[in-house]
Amino acid sequence: MLQLLYGSGLRLRECMELRIKDIDFAQSQMVIRCGKGGKDRVTLLPQSVIEPLQIHIQQVRLIHQQDLELGYGATILPFAFHRKDPNAPRQWVWQYVFPASTRCQDPRGSGIVRFHLHESGLQKALKAAVQLAKISKRVSCHTFRHSFATHLLQSGYDIRTIQELLGHKDVKTTMIYTHVLNRGGRGVVSPLDR
């Protein structure tokens, strides 16, 4: 999950809410549905996560098959889509990429469902990793999104492409990352170091 946050510029919630149908391995991209501001966007799927993600999804498919065999297998659908297609909640394509380890009662009252992992699980794992690595700076899941944008800028990608990948409505929001390009005196290499 952290590799997707950094490698694709996802927000934590966007990662948690990824569905099977949103990942396109053939095109190496993901569709982020109803991101911040209610907008959909397309972002890249890093090559380095494709194989591990495919293996993970095979394991998720086994969990889904077991749920179906036990008479469960449904998930929560966005908006009122379950009324348009009553079979959709059990369909493979609508399942979460990162499902919860247990089933729960649908808060809308439609029975027992499998929701996505809770955000706090990844946040706690990251906090433990940061402490173990003895990193003395504040690190959150959102740090990886900022690093994604910053490192793309440092690599020479244009601001409009980064804006699109991040899903920013206004380029001014994306411009905050350009501070890394203006290093002031820190960008100068001392003659002694040459």
C-alpha atoms as a PDB file:
ATOM      1  CA  MET A   1       0.000   0.000   0.000  1.00  0.00           C
ATOM      2  CA  LEU A   2       2.833   2.406   0.822  1.00  0.00           C
ATOM      3  CA  GLN A   3       4.439   1.605  -2.513  1.00  0.00           C
ATOM      4  CA  LEU A   4       1.212   2.735  -4.216  1.00  0.00           C
ATOM      5  CA  LEU A   5       1.055   5.915  -2.137  1.00  0.00           C
ATOM      6  CA  TYR A   6       4.582   6.834  -3.197  1.00  0.00           C
ATOM      7  CA  GLY A   7       4.657   5.256  -6.662  1.00  0.00           C
ATOM      8  CA  SER A   8       1.282   6.596  -7.811  1.00  0.00           C
ATOM      9  CA  GLY A   9       0.688   9.665  -5.657  1.00  0.00           C
ATOM     10  CA  LEU A  10      -2.408   8.230  -3.989  1.00  0.00           C
ATOM     11  CA  ARG A  11      -4.045   9.615  -0.897  1.00  0.00           C
ATOM     12  CA  LEU A  12      -4.547   7.077   1.894  1.00  0.00           C
ATOM     13  CA  ARG A  13      -8.314   6.862   1.387  1.00  0.00           C
ATOM     14  CA  GLU A  14      -7.891   6.459  -2.375  1.00  0.00           C
ATOM     15  CA  CYS A  15      -5.595   3.510  -1.814  1.00  0.00           C
ATOM     16  CA  MET A  16      -7.942   1.868   0.678  1.00  0.00           C
ATOM     17  CA  GLU A  17     -10.934   2.281  -1.630  1.00  0.00           C
ATOM     18  CA  LEU A  18      -9.297   0.812  -4.748  1.00  0.00           C
ATOM     19  CA  ARG A  19     -11.454  -1.835  -6.379  1.00  0.00           C
ATOM     20  CA  ILE A  20     -10.384  -4.670  -8.648  1.00  0.00           C
ATOM     21  CA  LYS A  21     -11.963  -2.966 -11.681  1.00  0.00           C
ATOM     22  CA  ASP A  22      -9.899   0.178 -11.073  1.00  0.00           C
ATOM     23  CA  ILE A  23      -6.559  -1.480 -11.820  1.00  0.00           C
ATOM     24  CA  ASP A  24      -5.473  -1.880 -15.429  1.00  0.00           C
ATOM     25  CA  PHE A  25      -2.336  -4.005 -15.543  1.00  0.00           C
ATOM     26  CA  ALA A  26      -2.204  -3.950 -19.366  1.00  0.00           C
ATOM     27  CA  GLN A  27      -2.024  -0.132 -19.449  1.00  0.00           C
ATOM     28  CA  SER A  28      -0.060   0.182 -16.173  1.00  0.00           C
ATOM     29  CA  GLN A  29      -2.588   2.579 -14.743  1.00  0.00           C
ATOM     30  CA  MET A  30      -5.280   2.939 -12.112  1.00  0.00           C
ATOM     31  CA  VAL A  31      -8.524   4.847 -12.093  1.00  0.00           C
ATOM     32  CA  ILE A  32      -9.032   6.741  -8.864  1.00  0.00           C
ATOM     33  CA  ARG A  33     -12.760   7.112  -8.389  1.00  0.00           C
ATOM     34  CA  CYS A  34     -14.363   9.944  -6.475  1.00  0.00           C
ATOM     35  CA  GLY A  35     -11.099  11.397  -5.208  1.00  0.00           C
ATOM     36  CA  LYS A  36     -10.879  14.657  -3.334  1.00  0.00           C
ATOM     37  CA  GLY A  37     -13.480  17.016  -4.742  1.00  0.00           C
ATOM     38  CA  GLY A  38     -15.494  14.054  -6.049  1.00  0.00           C
ATOM     39  CA  LYS A  39     -13.400  13.784  -9.219  1.00  0.00           C
ATOM     40  CA  ASP A  40     -12.137  10.690 -11.000  1.00  0.00           C
ATOM     41  CA  ARG A  41      -8.606  10.607 -12.383  1.00  0.00           C
ATOM     42  CA  VAL A  42      -6.146   8.207 -13.952  1.00  0.00           C
ATOM     43  CA  THR A  43      -2.702   7.721 -12.478  1.00  0.00           C
ATOM     44  CA  LEU A  44       0.205   5.440 -13.205  1.00  0.00           C
ATOM     45  CA  LEU A  45       0.731   1.937 -11.832  1.00  0.00           C
ATOM     46  CA  PRO A  46       4.455   1.499 -11.122  1.00  0.00           C
ATOM     47  CA  GLN A  47       6.049  -1.428 -12.938  1.00  0.00           C
ATOM     48  CA  SER A  48       7.747  -2.567  -9.735  1.00  0.00           C
ATOM     49  CA  VAL A  49       4.426  -3.228  -7.984  1.00  0.00           C
ATOM     50  CA  ILE A  50       2.671  -5.077 -10.801  1.00  0.00           C
ATOM     51  CA  GLU A  51       3.846  -8.600  -9.972  1.00  0.00           C
ATOM     52  CA  PRO A  52       3.444  -8.312  -6.167  1.00  0.00           C
ATOM     53  CA  LEU A  53       0.041  -6.684  -6.656  1.00  0.00           C
ATOM     54  CA  GLN A  54      -1.076  -9.468  -8.999  1.00  0.00           C
ATOM     55  CA  ILE A  55      -0.046 -12.054  -6.392  1.00  0.00           C
ATOM     56  CA  HIS A  56      -1.905 -10.091  -3.703  1.00  0.00           C
ATOM     57  CA  ILE A  57      -5.026  -9.912  -5.871  1.00  0.00           C
ATOM     58  CA  GLN A  58      -4.910 -13.700  -6.383  1.00  0.00           C
ATOM     59  CA  GLN A  59      -4.990 -14.088  -2.593  1.00  0.00           C
ATOM     60  CA  VAL A  60      -7.884 -11.619  -2.362  1.00  0.00           C
ATOM     61  CA  ARG A  61      -9.729 -13.647  -4.997  1.00  0.00           C
ATOM     62  CA  LEU A  62      -9.397 -16.771  -2.831  1.00  0.00           C
ATOM     63  CA  ILE A  63     -10.875 -14.884   0.131  1.00  0.00           C
ATOM     64  CA  HIS A  64     -13.740 -13.715  -2.076  1.00  0.00           C
ATOM     65  CA  GLN A  65     -14.371 -17.272  -3.343  1.00  0.00           C
ATOM     66  CA  GLN A  66     -14.458 -18.561   0.234  1.00  0.00           C
ATOM     67  CA  ASP A  67     -16.894 -15.814   1.204  1.00  0.00           C
ATOM     68  CA  LEU A  68     -19.155 -16.733  -1.727  1.00  0.00           C
ATOM     69  CA  GLU A  69     -19.078 -20.413  -0.766  1.00  0.00           C
ATOM     70  CA  LEU A  70     -20.170 -19.463   2.764  1.00  0.00           C
ATOM     71  CA  GLY A  71     -23.066 -17.398   1.424  1.00  0.00           C
ATOM     72  CA  TYR A  72     -21.382 -14.014   1.780  1.00  0.00           C
ATOM     73  CA  GLY A  73     -19.061 -12.293  -0.714  1.00  0.00           C
ATOM     74  CA  ALA A  74     -20.792  -8.938  -0.934  1.00  0.00           C
ATOM     75  CA  THR A  75     -19.166  -5.557  -0.548  1.00  0.00           C
ATOM     76  CA  ILE A  76     -20.496  -2.027  -0.204  1.00  0.00           C
ATOM     77  CA  LEU A  77     -21.089  -0.200  -3.478  1.00  0.00           C
ATOM     78  CA  PRO A  78     -20.891   3.531  -4.085  1.00  0.00           C
ATOM     79  CA  PHE A  79     -24.060   5.584  -4.158  1.00  0.00           C
ATOM     80  CA  ALA A  80     -27.180   3.596  -5.079  1.00  0.00           C
ATOM     81  CA  PHE A  81     -25.525   1.287  -7.569  1.00  0.00           C
ATOM     82  CA  HIS A  82     -26.702  -1.819  -5.686  1.00  0.00           C
ATOM     83  CA  ARG A  83     -30.286  -0.887  -6.632  1.00  0.00           C
ATOM     84  CA  LYS A  84     -29.410  -0.673 -10.332  1.00  0.00           C
ATOM     85  CA  ASP A  85     -27.681  -4.059 -10.267  1.00  0.00           C
ATOM     86  CA  PRO A  86     -28.583  -6.210  -7.230  1.00  0.00           C
ATOM     87  CA  ASN A  87     -25.902  -8.786  -8.166  1.00  0.00           C
ATOM     88  CA  ALA A  88     -23.072  -6.240  -8.331  1.00  0.00           C
ATOM     89  CA  PRO A  89     -22.089  -6.371  -4.606  1.00  0.00           C
ATOM     90  CA  ARG A  90     -20.983 -10.014  -5.048  1.00  0.00           C
ATOM     91  CA  GLN A  91     -19.210  -9.536  -8.381  1.00  0.00           C
ATOM     92  CA  TRP A  92     -15.427  -9.902  -8.376  1.00  0.00           C
ATOM     93  CA  VAL A  93     -14.754  -6.569 -10.111  1.00  0.00           C
ATOM     94  CA  TRP A  94     -16.412  -4.603  -7.290  1.00  0.00           C
ATOM     95  CA  GLN A  95     -14.322  -6.156  -4.500  1.00  0.00           C
ATOM     96  CA  TYR A  96     -11.745  -4.053  -2.706  1.00  0.00           C
ATOM     97  CA  VAL A  97      -8.087  -4.595  -3.571  1.00  0.00           C
ATOM     98  CA  PHE A  98      -7.275  -4.306   0.141  1.00  0.00           C
ATOM     99  CA  PRO A  99     -10.204  -5.984   1.902  1.00  0.00           C
ATOM    100  CA  ALA A 100     -10.704  -6.096   5.653  1.00  0.00           C
ATOM    101  CA  SER A 101      -9.687  -9.314   7.373  1.00  0.00           C
ATOM    102  CA  THR A 102     -13.215  -9.826   8.713  1.00  0.00           C
ATOM    103  CA  ARG A 103     -16.753  -9.369   7.488  1.00  0.00           C
ATOM    104  CA  CYS A 104     -19.095  -6.859   9.127  1.00  0.00           C
ATOM    105  CA  GLN A 105     -22.684  -5.668   9.110  1.00  0.00           C
ATOM    106  CA  ASP A 106     -23.422  -3.231   6.290  1.00  0.00           C
ATOM    107  CA  PRO A 107     -24.299   0.091   7.970  1.00  0.00           C
ATOM    108  CA  ARG A 108     -27.010   0.545   5.336  1.00  0.00           C
ATOM    109  CA  GLY A 109     -28.619  -2.687   6.498  1.00  0.00           C
ATOM    110  CA  SER A 110     -28.132  -4.914   3.439  1.00  0.00           C
ATOM    111  CA  GLY A 111     -26.503  -7.773   5.350  1.00  0.00           C
ATOM    112  CA  ILE A 112     -22.975  -8.970   6.018  1.00  0.00           C
ATOM    113  CA  VAL A 113     -20.279  -7.476   3.782  1.00  0.00           C
ATOM    114  CA  ARG A 114     -16.507  -7.259   3.513  1.00  0.00           C
ATOM    115  CA  PHE A 115     -15.346  -3.664   3.668  1.00  0.00           C
ATOM    116  CA  HIS A 116     -11.825  -2.367   2.897  1.00  0.00           C
ATOM    117  CA  LEU A 117      -9.008  -2.264   5.431  1.00  0.00           C
ATOM    118  CA  HIS A 118      -9.227   0.493   7.996  1.00  0.00           C
ATOM    119  CA  GLU A 119      -6.846   3.402   7.459  1.00  0.00           C
ATOM    120  CA  SER A 120      -5.526   3.166  11.002  1.00  0.00           C
ATOM    121  CA  GLY A 121      -3.920  -0.220  10.288  1.00  0.00           C
ATOM    122  CA  LEU A 122      -1.551   1.230   7.704  1.00  0.00           C
ATOM    123  CA  GLN A 123      -0.967   4.340   9.798  1.00  0.00           C
ATOM    124  CA  LYS A 124       0.055   2.235  12.816  1.00  0.00           C
ATOM    125  CA  ALA A 125       2.328   0.029  10.703  1.00  0.00           C
ATOM    126  CA  LEU A 126       4.025   3.114   9.245  1.00  0.00           C
ATOM    127  CA  LYS A 127       4.481   4.651  12.692  1.00  0.00           C
ATOM    128  CA  ALA A 128       6.134   1.447  13.928  1.00  0.00           C
ATOM    129  CA  ALA A 129       8.417   1.327  10.858  1.00  0.00           C
ATOM    130  CA  VAL A 130       9.451   4.961  11.335  1.00  0.00           C
ATOM    131  CA  GLN A 131      10.301   4.288  14.995  1.00  0.00           C
ATOM    132  CA  LEU A 132      12.190   1.105  14.108  1.00  0.00           C
ATOM    133  CA  ALA A 133      14.204   2.986  11.482  1.00  0.00           C
ATOM    134  CA  LYS A 134      14.892   5.737  14.042  1.00  0.00           C
ATOM    135  CA  ILE A 135      13.740   8.469  11.687  1.00  0.00           C
ATOM    136  CA  SER A 136      13.562  11.715  13.641  1.00  0.00           C
ATOM    137  CA  LYS A 137      11.163  13.496  11.303  1.00  0.00           C
ATOM    138  CA  ARG A 138       7.391  13.393  11.161  1.00  0.00           C
ATOM    139  CA  VAL A 139       6.277  10.822   8.573  1.00  0.00           C
ATOM    140  CA  SER A 140       2.656  10.159   7.652  1.00  0.00           C
ATOM    141  CA  CYS A 141       0.981   8.331   4.814  1.00  0.00           C
ATOM    142  CA  HIS A 142       0.549  11.680   3.078  1.00  0.00           C
ATOM    143  CA  THR A 143       4.338  12.170   3.122  1.00  0.00           C
ATOM    144  CA  PHE A 144       4.547   9.598   0.330  1.00  0.00           C
ATOM    145  CA  ARG A 145       2.189  11.614  -1.885  1.00  0.00           C
ATOM    146  CA  HIS A 146       4.308  14.728  -1.339  1.00  0.00           C
ATOM    147  CA  SER A 147       7.461  12.746  -2.108  1.00  0.00           C
ATOM    148  CA  PHE A 148       5.870  11.432  -5.321  1.00  0.00           C
ATOM    149  CA  ALA A 149       5.260  14.976  -6.582  1.00  0.00           C
ATOM    150  CA  THR A 150       8.595  16.328  -5.381  1.00  0.00           C
ATOM    151  CA  HIS A 151      10.617  13.533  -6.956  1.00  0.00           C
ATOM    152  CA  LEU A 152       8.759  13.817 -10.268  1.00  0.00           C
ATOM    153  CA  LEU A 153       9.595  17.528 -10.376  1.00  0.00           C
ATOM    154  CA  GLN A 154      13.226  16.826  -9.531  1.00  0.00           C
ATOM    155  CA  SER A 155      13.291  14.300 -12.381  1.00  0.00           C
ATOM    156  CA  GLY A 156      12.187  16.982 -14.827  1.00  0.00           C
ATOM    157  CA  TYR A 157       8.524  16.117 -15.391  1.00  0.00           C
ATOM    158  CA  ASP A 158       6.334  19.071 -16.228  1.00  0.00           C
ATOM    159  CA  ILE A 159       4.008  20.615 -13.674  1.00  0.00           C
ATOM    160  CA  ARG A 160       0.850  19.966 -15.737  1.00  0.00           C
ATOM    161  CA  THR A 161       1.521  16.223 -15.902  1.00  0.00           C
ATOM    162  CA  ILE A 162       2.090  16.132 -12.152  1.00  0.00           C
ATOM    163  CA  GLN A 163      -1.075  18.177 -11.605  1.00  0.00           C
ATOM    164  CA  GLU A 164      -3.066  15.618 -13.610  1.00  0.00           C
ATOM    165  CA  LEU A 165      -1.565  12.627 -11.803  1.00  0.00           C
ATOM    166  CA  LEU A 166      -2.289  14.180  -8.409  1.00  0.00           C
ATOM    167  CA  GLY A 167      -5.797  15.237  -9.396  1.00  0.00           C
ATOM    168  CA  HIS A 168      -5.323  18.881  -8.464  1.00  0.00           C
ATOM    169  CA  LYS A 169      -8.028  21.150  -9.838  1.00  0.00           C
ATOM    170  CA  ASP A 170      -5.728  24.172  -9.986  1.00  0.00           C
ATOM    171  CA  VAL A 171      -2.066  24.163 -11.012  1.00  0.00           C
ATOM    172  CA  LYS A 172      -1.391  26.575  -8.136  1.00  0.00           C
ATOM    173  CA  THR A 173      -1.921  23.696  -5.728  1.00  0.00           C
ATOM    174  CA  THR A 174       0.707  21.662  -7.545  1.00  0.00           C
ATOM    175  CA  MET A 175       3.096  24.644  -7.652  1.00  0.00           C
ATOM    176  CA  ILE A 176       3.796  24.274  -3.918  1.00  0.00           C
ATOM    177  CA  TYR A 177       6.174  21.461  -4.841  1.00  0.00           C
ATOM    178  CA  THR A 178       8.371  23.742  -6.949  1.00  0.00           C
ATOM    179  CA  HIS A 179      10.083  25.002  -3.801  1.00  0.00           C
ATOM    180  CA  VAL A 180      12.455  22.046  -4.111  1.00  0.00           C
ATOM    181  CA  LEU A 181      13.749  23.450  -7.389  1.00  0.00           C
ATOM    182  CA  ASN A 182      14.554  26.827  -5.817  1.00  0.00           C
ATOM    183  CA  ARG A 183      17.215  25.828  -3.349  1.00  0.00           C
ATOM    184  CA  GLY A 184      18.789  29.266  -2.937  1.00  0.00           C
ATOM    185  CA  GLY A 185      22.315  29.055  -1.518  1.00  0.00           C
ATOM    186  CA  ARG A 186      21.799  25.357  -0.853  1.00  0.00           C
ATOM    187  CA  GLY A 187      21.704  24.740  -4.603  1.00  0.00           C
ATOM    188  CA  VAL A 188      25.206  26.115  -5.030  1.00  0.00           C
ATOM    189  CA  VAL A 189      28.104  23.644  -4.922  1.00  0.00           C
ATOM    190  CA  SER A 190      31.087  24.945  -2.998  1.00  0.00           C
ATOM    191  CA  PRO A 191      34.359  25.159  -4.937  1.00  0.00           C
ATOM    192  CA  LEU A 192      35.905  23.135  -2.109  1.00  0.00           C
ATOM    193  CA  ASP A 193      33.474  20.275  -2.836  1.00  0.00           C
ATOM    194  CA  ARG A 194      34.420  20.240  -6.520  1.00  0.00           C
END
